[in-house]
Amino acid sequence: MQITVRPEKIKLGEPPDATGGQARVHGTVAEAVYLGSMTQVIVDLPTGERLVVHRLNDRLDGDEVQAGDRIVLHWAAEHSFVIPAAPALAGGGASRGGVSE
């Protein structure tokens, strides 16, 4: 099963409330790109996928992430959307423009 989460819904650091309702993953920062009002953080997950996080630049604590940092990401479980599996094509071949290859 695969899920998707909007980048702005993902938070960096441990969830403030450990009572549940939060999805959490660990990863390593691959890149942090300053984009004016936000920073785009690209995180490599242990599974090989990459996760993109949009973090508003409204923090005054100077808690910036850099490539190579190990971090925890979390989001509210209700912000996760399941991506349905693609149905297998009949006959095992892909078709393009109505022509079977």
PDB file of N, CA and C in Angstrom:
ATOM      1  N   MET A   1       0.844  -1.175   0.000  1.00  0.00           N
ATOM      2  CA  MET A   1       0.000   0.000   0.000  1.00  0.00           C
ATOM      3  C   MET A   1       0.888   1.236   0.000  1.00  0.00           C
ATOM      4  N   GLN A   2       0.517   2.223  -0.791  1.00  0.00           N
ATOM      5  CA  GLN A   2       1.216   3.492  -0.813  1.00  0.00           C
ATOM      6  C   GLN A   2       0.260   4.591  -0.382  1.00  0.00           C
ATOM      7  N   ILE A   3       0.822   5.619   0.255  1.00  0.00           N
ATOM      8  CA  ILE A   3       0.011   6.764   0.652  1.00  0.00           C
ATOM      9  C   ILE A   3       0.679   8.027   0.142  1.00  0.00           C
ATOM     10  N   THR A   4      -0.079   9.095   0.140  1.00  0.00           N
ATOM     11  CA  THR A   4       0.453  10.404  -0.174  1.00  0.00           C
ATOM     12  C   THR A   4      -0.026  11.384   0.890  1.00  0.00           C
ATOM     13  N   VAL A   5       0.779  12.403   1.124  1.00  0.00           N
ATOM     14  CA  VAL A   5       0.467  13.445   2.097  1.00  0.00           C
ATOM     15  C   VAL A   5       0.908  14.764   1.478  1.00  0.00           C
ATOM     16  N   ARG A   6       0.091  15.781   1.583  1.00  0.00           N
ATOM     17  CA  ARG A   6       0.489  17.093   1.054  1.00  0.00           C
ATOM     18  C   ARG A   6       1.741  17.569   1.793  1.00  0.00           C
ATOM     19  N   PRO A   7       2.721  18.104   1.064  1.00  0.00           N
ATOM     20  CA  PRO A   7       4.002  18.485   1.681  1.00  0.00           C
ATOM     21  C   PRO A   7       3.884  19.447   2.848  1.00  0.00           C
ATOM     22  N   GLU A   8       2.909  20.346   2.802  1.00  0.00           N
ATOM     23  CA  GLU A   8       2.775  21.330   3.880  1.00  0.00           C
ATOM     24  C   GLU A   8       2.141  20.747   5.145  1.00  0.00           C
ATOM     25  N   LYS A   9       1.601  19.531   5.065  1.00  0.00           N
ATOM     26  CA  LYS A   9       0.988  18.883   6.226  1.00  0.00           C
ATOM     27  C   LYS A   9       2.008  18.102   7.058  1.00  0.00           C
ATOM     28  N   ILE A  10       3.195  17.893   6.524  1.00  0.00           N
ATOM     29  CA  ILE A  10       4.226  17.110   7.208  1.00  0.00           C
ATOM     30  C   ILE A  10       5.042  18.038   8.106  1.00  0.00           C
ATOM     31  N   LYS A  11       5.240  17.623   9.338  1.00  0.00           N
ATOM     32  CA  LYS A  11       5.993  18.411  10.322  1.00  0.00           C
ATOM     33  C   LYS A  11       7.303  17.711  10.646  1.00  0.00           C
ATOM     34  N   LEU A  12       8.327  18.497  10.963  1.00  0.00           N
ATOM     35  CA  LEU A  12       9.622  17.954  11.350  1.00  0.00           C
ATOM     36  C   LEU A  12       9.699  17.825  12.855  1.00  0.00           C
ATOM     37  N   GLY A  13      10.349  16.775  13.331  1.00  0.00           N
ATOM     38  CA  GLY A  13      10.532  16.555  14.756  1.00  0.00           C
ATOM     39  C   GLY A  13       9.524  15.561  15.309  1.00  0.00           C
ATOM     40  N   GLU A  14       9.717  15.204  16.553  1.00  0.00           N
ATOM     41  CA  GLU A  14       8.806  14.274  17.222  1.00  0.00           C
ATOM     42  C   GLU A  14       7.442  14.939  17.385  1.00  0.00           C
ATOM     43  N   PRO A  15       6.361  14.157  17.247  1.00  0.00           N
ATOM     44  CA  PRO A  15       5.033  14.733  17.468  1.00  0.00           C
ATOM     45  C   PRO A  15       4.902  15.227  18.902  1.00  0.00           C
ATOM     46  N   PRO A  16       4.254  16.374  19.102  1.00  0.00           N
ATOM     47  CA  PRO A  16       4.119  16.913  20.456  1.00  0.00           C
ATOM     48  C   PRO A  16       3.234  16.066  21.356  1.00  0.00           C
ATOM     49  N   ASP A  17       2.290  15.333  20.756  1.00  0.00           N
ATOM     50  CA  ASP A  17       1.348  14.528  21.527  1.00  0.00           C
ATOM     51  C   ASP A  17       1.523  13.070  21.132  1.00  0.00           C
ATOM     52  N   ALA A  18       2.023  12.258  22.028  1.00  0.00           N
ATOM     53  CA  ALA A  18       2.301  10.852  21.732  1.00  0.00           C
ATOM     54  C   ALA A  18       1.098   9.952  21.982  1.00  0.00           C
ATOM     55  N   THR A  19      -0.112  10.525  22.094  1.00  0.00           N
ATOM     56  CA  THR A  19      -1.292   9.726  22.401  1.00  0.00           C
ATOM     57  C   THR A  19      -1.846   8.995  21.188  1.00  0.00           C
ATOM     58  N   GLY A  20      -1.355   9.280  20.010  1.00  0.00           N
ATOM     59  CA  GLY A  20      -1.834   8.571  18.823  1.00  0.00           C
ATOM     60  C   GLY A  20      -2.383   9.536  17.789  1.00  0.00           C
ATOM     61  N   GLY A  21      -2.856   8.948  16.683  1.00  0.00           N
ATOM     62  CA  GLY A  21      -3.407   9.761  15.611  1.00  0.00           C
ATOM     63  C   GLY A  21      -2.355  10.395  14.732  1.00  0.00           C
ATOM     64  N   GLN A  22      -1.091  10.049  14.952  1.00  0.00           N
ATOM     65  CA  GLN A  22       0.002  10.617  14.171  1.00  0.00           C
ATOM     66  C   GLN A  22       0.733   9.505  13.421  1.00  0.00           C
ATOM     67  N   ALA A  23       1.020   9.761  12.146  1.00  0.00           N
ATOM     68  CA  ALA A  23       1.901   8.881  11.390  1.00  0.00           C
ATOM     69  C   ALA A  23       3.308   9.439  11.556  1.00  0.00           C
ATOM     70  N   ARG A  24       4.308   8.554  11.595  1.00  0.00           N
ATOM     71  CA  ARG A  24       5.679   9.008  11.834  1.00  0.00           C
ATOM     72  C   ARG A  24       6.649   8.153  11.042  1.00  0.00           C
ATOM     73  N   VAL A  25       7.654   8.806  10.434  1.00  0.00           N
ATOM     74  CA  VAL A  25       8.728   8.108   9.737  1.00  0.00           C
ATOM     75  C   VAL A  25      10.056   8.784  10.064  1.00  0.00           C
ATOM     76  N   HIS A  26      11.118   7.993   9.994  1.00  0.00           N
ATOM     77  CA  HIS A  26      12.470   8.502  10.178  1.00  0.00           C
ATOM     78  C   HIS A  26      13.121   8.608   8.809  1.00  0.00           C
ATOM     79  N   GLY A  27      14.035   9.544   8.651  1.00  0.00           N
ATOM     80  CA  GLY A  27      14.731   9.687   7.381  1.00  0.00           C
ATOM     81  C   GLY A  27      15.973  10.538   7.518  1.00  0.00           C
ATOM     82  N   THR A  28      16.625  10.748   6.386  1.00  0.00           N
ATOM     83  CA  THR A  28      17.840  11.564   6.318  1.00  0.00           C
ATOM     84  C   THR A  28      17.612  12.683   5.311  1.00  0.00           C
ATOM     85  N   VAL A  29      17.936  13.903   5.702  1.00  0.00           N
ATOM     86  CA  VAL A  29      17.755  15.043   4.810  1.00  0.00           C
ATOM     87  C   VAL A  29      18.720  14.906   3.632  1.00  0.00           C
ATOM     88  N   ALA A  30      18.154  14.896   2.420  1.00  0.00           N
ATOM     89  CA  ALA A  30      18.970  14.850   1.202  1.00  0.00           C
ATOM     90  C   ALA A  30      19.313  16.262   0.754  1.00  0.00           C
ATOM     91  N   GLU A  31      18.343  17.165   0.925  1.00  0.00           N
ATOM     92  CA  GLU A  31      18.527  18.531   0.460  1.00  0.00           C
ATOM     93  C   GLU A  31      17.534  19.441   1.148  1.00  0.00           C
ATOM     94  N   ALA A  32      17.954  20.656   1.453  1.00  0.00           N
ATOM     95  CA  ALA A  32      17.065  21.686   1.983  1.00  0.00           C
ATOM     96  C   ALA A  32      17.234  22.911   1.095  1.00  0.00           C
ATOM     97  N   VAL A  33      16.127  23.341   0.472  1.00  0.00           N
ATOM     98  CA  VAL A  33      16.172  24.435  -0.489  1.00  0.00           C
ATOM     99  C   VAL A  33      15.332  25.594   0.035  1.00  0.00           C
ATOM    100  N   TYR A  34      15.987  26.743   0.245  1.00  0.00           N
ATOM    101  CA  TYR A  34      15.296  27.947   0.698  1.00  0.00           C
ATOM    102  C   TYR A  34      14.520  28.532  -0.474  1.00  0.00           C
ATOM    103  N   LEU A  35      13.208  28.747  -0.300  1.00  0.00           N
ATOM    104  CA  LEU A  35      12.352  29.265  -1.372  1.00  0.00           C
ATOM    105  C   LEU A  35      11.611  30.534  -0.948  1.00  0.00           C
ATOM    106  N   GLY A  36      12.264  31.375  -0.185  1.00  0.00           N
ATOM    107  CA  GLY A  36      11.632  32.615   0.263  1.00  0.00           C
ATOM    108  C   GLY A  36      10.828  32.393   1.517  1.00  0.00           C
ATOM    109  N   SER A  37       9.509  32.298   1.388  1.00  0.00           N
ATOM    110  CA  SER A  37       8.653  32.162   2.565  1.00  0.00           C
ATOM    111  C   SER A  37       8.625  30.738   3.116  1.00  0.00           C
ATOM    112  N   MET A  38       9.218  29.799   2.388  1.00  0.00           N
ATOM    113  CA  MET A  38       9.270  28.422   2.874  1.00  0.00           C
ATOM    114  C   MET A  38      10.585  27.774   2.469  1.00  0.00           C
ATOM    115  N   THR A  39      10.870  26.657   3.132  1.00  0.00           N
ATOM    116  CA  THR A  39      12.019  25.826   2.776  1.00  0.00           C
ATOM    117  C   THR A  39      11.477  24.471   2.356  1.00  0.00           C
ATOM    118  N   GLN A  40      11.957  23.974   1.217  1.00  0.00           N
ATOM    119  CA  GLN A  40      11.580  22.633   0.763  1.00  0.00           C
ATOM    120  C   GLN A  40      12.646  21.675   1.263  1.00  0.00           C
ATOM    121  N   VAL A  41      12.225  20.688   2.039  1.00  0.00           N
ATOM    122  CA  VAL A  41      13.145  19.706   2.607  1.00  0.00           C
ATOM    123  C   VAL A  41      12.862  18.371   1.924  1.00  0.00           C
ATOM    124  N   ILE A  42      13.883  17.805   1.294  1.00  0.00           N
ATOM    125  CA  ILE A  42      13.760  16.516   0.623  1.00  0.00           C
ATOM    126  C   ILE A  42      14.422  15.485   1.514  1.00  0.00           C
ATOM    127  N   VAL A  43      13.659  14.451   1.882  1.00  0.00           N
ATOM    128  CA  VAL A  43      14.105  13.474   2.869  1.00  0.00           C
ATOM    129  C   VAL A  43      14.145  12.083   2.244  1.00  0.00           C
ATOM    130  N   ASP A  44      15.282  11.404   2.390  1.00  0.00           N
ATOM    131  CA  ASP A  44      15.417  10.012   1.960  1.00  0.00           C
ATOM    132  C   ASP A  44      14.911   9.117   3.083  1.00  0.00           C
ATOM    133  N   LEU A  45      13.971   8.222   2.745  1.00  0.00           N
ATOM    134  CA  LEU A  45      13.423   7.281   3.714  1.00  0.00           C
ATOM    135  C   LEU A  45      14.205   5.967   3.658  1.00  0.00           C
ATOM    136  N   PRO A  46      14.185   5.180   4.727  1.00  0.00           N
ATOM    137  CA  PRO A  46      14.902   3.893   4.737  1.00  0.00           C
ATOM    138  C   PRO A  46      14.428   2.931   3.642  1.00  0.00           C
ATOM    139  N   THR A  47      13.201   3.137   3.144  1.00  0.00           N
ATOM    140  CA  THR A  47      12.645   2.259   2.109  1.00  0.00           C
ATOM    141  C   THR A  47      13.140   2.605   0.708  1.00  0.00           C
ATOM    142  N   GLY A  48      13.894   3.716   0.584  1.00  0.00           N
ATOM    143  CA  GLY A  48      14.407   4.134  -0.719  1.00  0.00           C
ATOM    144  C   GLY A  48      13.602   5.249  -1.355  1.00  0.00           C
ATOM    145  N   GLU A  49      12.390   5.516  -0.870  1.00  0.00           N
ATOM    146  CA  GLU A  49      11.592   6.610  -1.412  1.00  0.00           C
ATOM    147  C   GLU A  49      12.091   7.937  -0.873  1.00  0.00           C
ATOM    148  N   ARG A  50      11.665   9.001  -1.533  1.00  0.00           N
ATOM    149  CA  ARG A  50      11.948  10.355  -1.076  1.00  0.00           C
ATOM    150  C   ARG A  50      10.639  11.023  -0.701  1.00  0.00           C
ATOM    151  N   LEU A  51      10.690  11.825   0.347  1.00  0.00           N
ATOM    152  CA  LEU A  51       9.524  12.552   0.820  1.00  0.00           C
ATOM    153  C   LEU A  51       9.871  14.037   0.784  1.00  0.00           C
ATOM    154  N   VAL A  52       8.971  14.852   0.235  1.00  0.00           N
ATOM    155  CA  VAL A  52       9.188  16.295   0.152  1.00  0.00           C
ATOM    156  C   VAL A  52       8.327  16.969   1.213  1.00  0.00           C
ATOM    157  N   VAL A  53       8.952  17.866   1.977  1.00  0.00           N
ATOM    158  CA  VAL A  53       8.278  18.601   3.043  1.00  0.00           C
ATOM    159  C   VAL A  53       8.408  20.086   2.760  1.00  0.00           C
ATOM    160  N   HIS A  54       7.312  20.837   2.918  1.00  0.00           N
ATOM    161  CA  HIS A  54       7.357  22.286   2.810  1.00  0.00           C
ATOM    162  C   HIS A  54       7.240  22.854   4.216  1.00  0.00           C
ATOM    163  N   ARG A  55       8.268  23.578   4.618  1.00  0.00           N
ATOM    164  CA  ARG A  55       8.308  24.143   5.978  1.00  0.00           C
ATOM    165  C   ARG A  55       8.290  25.662   5.874  1.00  0.00           C
ATOM    166  N   LEU A  56       7.297  26.307   6.514  1.00  0.00           N
ATOM    167  CA  LEU A  56       7.232  27.765   6.509  1.00  0.00           C
ATOM    168  C   LEU A  56       8.441  28.345   7.226  1.00  0.00           C
ATOM    169  N   ASN A  57       8.955  29.434   6.700  1.00  0.00           N
ATOM    170  CA  ASN A  57      10.105  30.101   7.318  1.00  0.00           C
ATOM    171  C   ASN A  57       9.626  31.158   8.311  1.00  0.00           C
ATOM    172  N   ASP A  58       8.832  30.727   9.284  1.00  0.00           N
ATOM    173  CA  ASP A  58       8.308  31.646  10.289  1.00  0.00           C
ATOM    174  C   ASP A  58       8.864  31.360  11.678  1.00  0.00           C
ATOM    175  N   ARG A  59       9.885  30.523  11.737  1.00  0.00           N
ATOM    176  CA  ARG A  59      10.471  30.148  13.031  1.00  0.00           C
ATOM    177  C   ARG A  59      11.626  31.090  13.374  1.00  0.00           C
ATOM    178  N   LEU A  60      11.729  31.427  14.640  1.00  0.00           N
ATOM    179  CA  LEU A  60      12.783  32.316  15.101  1.00  0.00           C
ATOM    180  C   LEU A  60      13.867  31.571  15.872  1.00  0.00           C
ATOM    181  N   ASP A  61      13.690  30.262  16.078  1.00  0.00           N
ATOM    182  CA  ASP A  61      14.621  29.516  16.921  1.00  0.00           C
ATOM    183  C   ASP A  61      15.879  29.064  16.182  1.00  0.00           C
ATOM    184  N   GLY A  62      15.961  29.321  14.875  1.00  0.00           N
ATOM    185  CA  GLY A  62      17.154  28.942  14.125  1.00  0.00           C
ATOM    186  C   GLY A  62      17.331  27.453  13.953  1.00  0.00           C
ATOM    187  N   ASP A  63      16.265  26.684  14.132  1.00  0.00           N
ATOM    188  CA  ASP A  63      16.324  25.230  14.028  1.00  0.00           C
ATOM    189  C   ASP A  63      16.238  24.814  12.561  1.00  0.00           C
ATOM    190  N   GLU A  64      17.320  25.007  11.834  1.00  0.00           N
ATOM    191  CA  GLU A  64      17.355  24.686  10.408  1.00  0.00           C
ATOM    192  C   GLU A  64      17.938  23.302  10.187  1.00  0.00           C
ATOM    193  N   VAL A  65      17.467  22.624   9.153  1.00  0.00           N
ATOM    194  CA  VAL A  65      17.992  21.306   8.822  1.00  0.00           C
ATOM    195  C   VAL A  65      18.966  21.435   7.666  1.00  0.00           C
ATOM    196  N   GLN A  66      19.903  20.490   7.597  1.00  0.00           N
ATOM    197  CA  GLN A  66      20.913  20.481   6.548  1.00  0.00           C
ATOM    198  C   GLN A  66      21.033  19.068   5.991  1.00  0.00           C
ATOM    199  N   ALA A  67      21.560  18.965   4.783  1.00  0.00           N
ATOM    200  CA  ALA A  67      21.783  17.661   4.168  1.00  0.00           C
ATOM    201  C   ALA A  67      22.586  16.789   5.126  1.00  0.00           C
ATOM    202  N   GLY A  68      22.147  15.546   5.268  1.00  0.00           N
ATOM    203  CA  GLY A  68      22.808  14.591   6.153  1.00  0.00           C
ATOM    204  C   GLY A  68      22.193  14.473   7.527  1.00  0.00           C
ATOM    205  N   ASP A  69      21.365  15.440   7.925  1.00  0.00           N
ATOM    206  CA  ASP A  69      20.705  15.375   9.234  1.00  0.00           C
ATOM    207  C   ASP A  69      19.717  14.217   9.273  1.00  0.00           C
ATOM    208  N   ARG A  70      19.722  13.451  10.365  1.00  0.00           N
ATOM    209  CA  ARG A  70      18.707  12.414  10.593  1.00  0.00           C
ATOM    210  C   ARG A  70      17.541  13.103  11.281  1.00  0.00           C
ATOM    211  N   ILE A  71      16.333  12.897  10.758  1.00  0.00           N
ATOM    212  CA  ILE A  71      15.173  13.576  11.316  1.00  0.00           C
ATOM    213  C   ILE A  71      13.980  12.629  11.418  1.00  0.00           C
ATOM    214  N   VAL A  72      12.992  13.075  12.178  1.00  0.00           N
ATOM    215  CA  VAL A  72      11.705  12.394  12.289  1.00  0.00           C
ATOM    216  C   VAL A  72      10.675  13.311  11.651  1.00  0.00           C
ATOM    217  N   LEU A  73       9.783  12.732  10.847  1.00  0.00           N
ATOM    218  CA  LEU A  73       8.690  13.468  10.238  1.00  0.00           C
ATOM    219  C   LEU A  73       7.380  12.907  10.778  1.00  0.00           C
ATOM    220  N   HIS A  74       6.397  13.770  10.963  1.00  0.00           N
ATOM    221  CA  HIS A  74       5.086  13.288  11.413  1.00  0.00           C
ATOM    222  C   HIS A  74       3.976  14.124  10.798  1.00  0.00           C
ATOM    223  N   TRP A  75       2.795  13.535  10.758  1.00  0.00           N
ATOM    224  CA  TRP A  75       1.608  14.221  10.269  1.00  0.00           C
ATOM    225  C   TRP A  75       0.389  13.540  10.862  1.00  0.00           C
ATOM    226  N   ALA A  76      -0.710  14.268  10.887  1.00  0.00           N
ATOM    227  CA  ALA A  76      -1.965  13.700  11.388  1.00  0.00           C
ATOM    228  C   ALA A  76      -2.408  12.597  10.439  1.00  0.00           C
ATOM    229  N   ALA A  77      -2.827  11.485  10.998  1.00  0.00           N
ATOM    230  CA  ALA A  77      -3.215  10.326  10.192  1.00  0.00           C
ATOM    231  C   ALA A  77      -4.299  10.679   9.173  1.00  0.00           C
ATOM    232  N   GLU A  78      -5.194  11.589   9.513  1.00  0.00           N
ATOM    233  CA  GLU A  78      -6.272  11.932   8.574  1.00  0.00           C
ATOM    234  C   GLU A  78      -5.779  12.699   7.352  1.00  0.00           C
ATOM    235  N   HIS A  79      -4.520  13.143   7.365  1.00  0.00           N
ATOM    236  CA  HIS A  79      -3.947  13.812   6.194  1.00  0.00           C
ATOM    237  C   HIS A  79      -3.324  12.831   5.203  1.00  0.00           C
ATOM    238  N   SER A  80      -3.364  11.539   5.509  1.00  0.00           N
ATOM    239  CA  SER A  80      -2.844  10.501   4.609  1.00  0.00           C
ATOM    240  C   SER A  80      -3.937  10.082   3.630  1.00  0.00           C
ATOM    241  N   PHE A  81      -3.557   9.939   2.371  1.00  0.00           N
ATOM    242  CA  PHE A  81      -4.489   9.468   1.344  1.00  0.00           C
ATOM    243  C   PHE A  81      -3.897   8.236   0.696  1.00  0.00           C
ATOM    244  N   VAL A  82      -4.670   7.166   0.646  1.00  0.00           N
ATOM    245  CA  VAL A  82      -4.216   5.909   0.060  1.00  0.00           C
ATOM    246  C   VAL A  82      -4.252   6.019  -1.461  1.00  0.00           C
ATOM    247  N   ILE A  83      -3.158   5.592  -2.096  1.00  0.00           N
ATOM    248  CA  ILE A  83      -3.082   5.548  -3.553  1.00  0.00           C
ATOM    249  C   ILE A  83      -3.491   4.146  -3.977  1.00  0.00           C
ATOM    250  N   PRO A  84      -4.590   4.027  -4.725  1.00  0.00           N
ATOM    251  CA  PRO A  84      -5.026   2.696  -5.139  1.00  0.00           C
ATOM    252  C   PRO A  84      -4.003   2.053  -6.081  1.00  0.00           C
ATOM    253  N   ALA A  85      -3.881   0.754  -5.985  1.00  0.00           N
ATOM    254  CA  ALA A  85      -2.980   0.021  -6.868  1.00  0.00           C
ATOM    255  C   ALA A  85      -3.510   0.108  -8.290  1.00  0.00           C
ATOM    256  N   ALA A  86      -2.604   0.244  -9.242  1.00  0.00           N
ATOM    257  CA  ALA A  86      -3.003   0.297 -10.645  1.00  0.00           C
ATOM    258  C   ALA A  86      -3.452  -1.093 -11.081  1.00  0.00           C
ATOM    259  N   PRO A  87      -4.566  -1.188 -11.782  1.00  0.00           N
ATOM    260  CA  PRO A  87      -5.015  -2.511 -12.235  1.00  0.00           C
ATOM    261  C   PRO A  87      -4.068  -3.064 -13.290  1.00  0.00           C
ATOM    262  N   ALA A  88      -3.878  -4.373 -13.257  1.00  0.00           N
ATOM    263  CA  ALA A  88      -3.028  -5.021 -14.256  1.00  0.00           C
ATOM    264  C   ALA A  88      -3.734  -4.965 -15.602  1.00  0.00           C
ATOM    265  N   LEU A  89      -2.968  -4.757 -16.652  1.00  0.00           N
ATOM    266  CA  LEU A  89      -3.533  -4.723 -18.001  1.00  0.00           C
ATOM    267  C   LEU A  89      -3.789  -6.134 -18.502  1.00  0.00           C
ATOM    268  N   ALA A  90      -4.905  -6.336 -19.150  1.00  0.00           N
ATOM    269  CA  ALA A  90      -5.233  -7.640 -19.713  1.00  0.00           C
ATOM    270  C   ALA A  90      -4.244  -7.988 -20.815  1.00  0.00           C
ATOM    271  N   GLY A  91      -3.776  -9.182 -20.856  1.00  0.00           N
ATOM    272  CA  GLY A  91      -2.851  -9.610 -21.903  1.00  0.00           C
ATOM    273  C   GLY A  91      -1.411  -9.339 -21.570  1.00  0.00           C
ATOM    274  N   GLY A  92      -1.156  -8.643 -20.452  1.00  0.00           N
ATOM    275  CA  GLY A  92       0.218  -8.427 -20.010  1.00  0.00           C
ATOM    276  C   GLY A  92       0.979  -7.362 -20.766  1.00  0.00           C
ATOM    277  N   GLY A  93       0.396  -6.721 -21.776  1.00  0.00           N
ATOM    278  CA  GLY A  93       1.127  -5.706 -22.541  1.00  0.00           C
ATOM    279  C   GLY A  93       0.463  -4.357 -22.393  1.00  0.00           C
ATOM    280  N   ALA A  94       1.252  -3.343 -22.554  1.00  0.00           N
ATOM    281  CA  ALA A  94       0.720  -1.988 -22.497  1.00  0.00           C
ATOM    282  C   ALA A  94       0.295  -1.569 -23.886  1.00  0.00           C
ATOM    283  N   SER A  95      -0.694  -0.724 -23.945  1.00  0.00           N
ATOM    284  CA  SER A  95      -1.078  -0.213 -25.255  1.00  0.00           C
ATOM    285  C   SER A  95      -0.958   1.303 -25.236  1.00  0.00           C
ATOM    286  N   ARG A  96      -0.658   1.851 -26.400  1.00  0.00           N
ATOM    287  CA  ARG A  96      -0.513   3.275 -26.541  1.00  0.00           C
ATOM    288  C   ARG A  96      -1.273   3.689 -27.783  1.00  0.00           C
ATOM    289  N   GLY A  97      -2.188   4.625 -27.639  1.00  0.00           N
ATOM    290  CA  GLY A  97      -2.922   5.099 -28.792  1.00  0.00           C
ATOM    291  C   GLY A  97      -3.749   4.021 -29.474  1.00  0.00           C
ATOM    292  N   GLY A  98      -4.192   3.037 -28.718  1.00  0.00           N
ATOM    293  CA  GLY A  98      -5.000   1.967 -29.283  1.00  0.00           C
ATOM    294  C   GLY A  98      -4.207   0.892 -30.007  1.00  0.00           C
ATOM    295  N   VAL A  99      -2.887   1.008 -29.994  1.00  0.00           N
ATOM    296  CA  VAL A  99      -2.056   0.019 -30.657  1.00  0.00           C
ATOM    297  C   VAL A  99      -1.309  -0.779 -29.607  1.00  0.00           C
ATOM    298  N   SER A 100      -1.449  -2.076 -29.638  1.00  0.00           N
ATOM    299  CA  SER A 100      -0.757  -2.928 -28.678  1.00  0.00           C
ATOM    300  C   SER A 100       0.679  -3.082 -29.094  1.00  0.00           C
ATOM    301  N   GLU A 101       1.585  -2.962 -28.107  1.00  0.00           N
ATOM    302  CA  GLU A 101       3.016  -3.100 -28.404  1.00  0.00           C
ATOM    303  C   GLU A 101       3.494  -4.495 -28.172  1.00  0.00           C
TER     304      GLU A 101
END
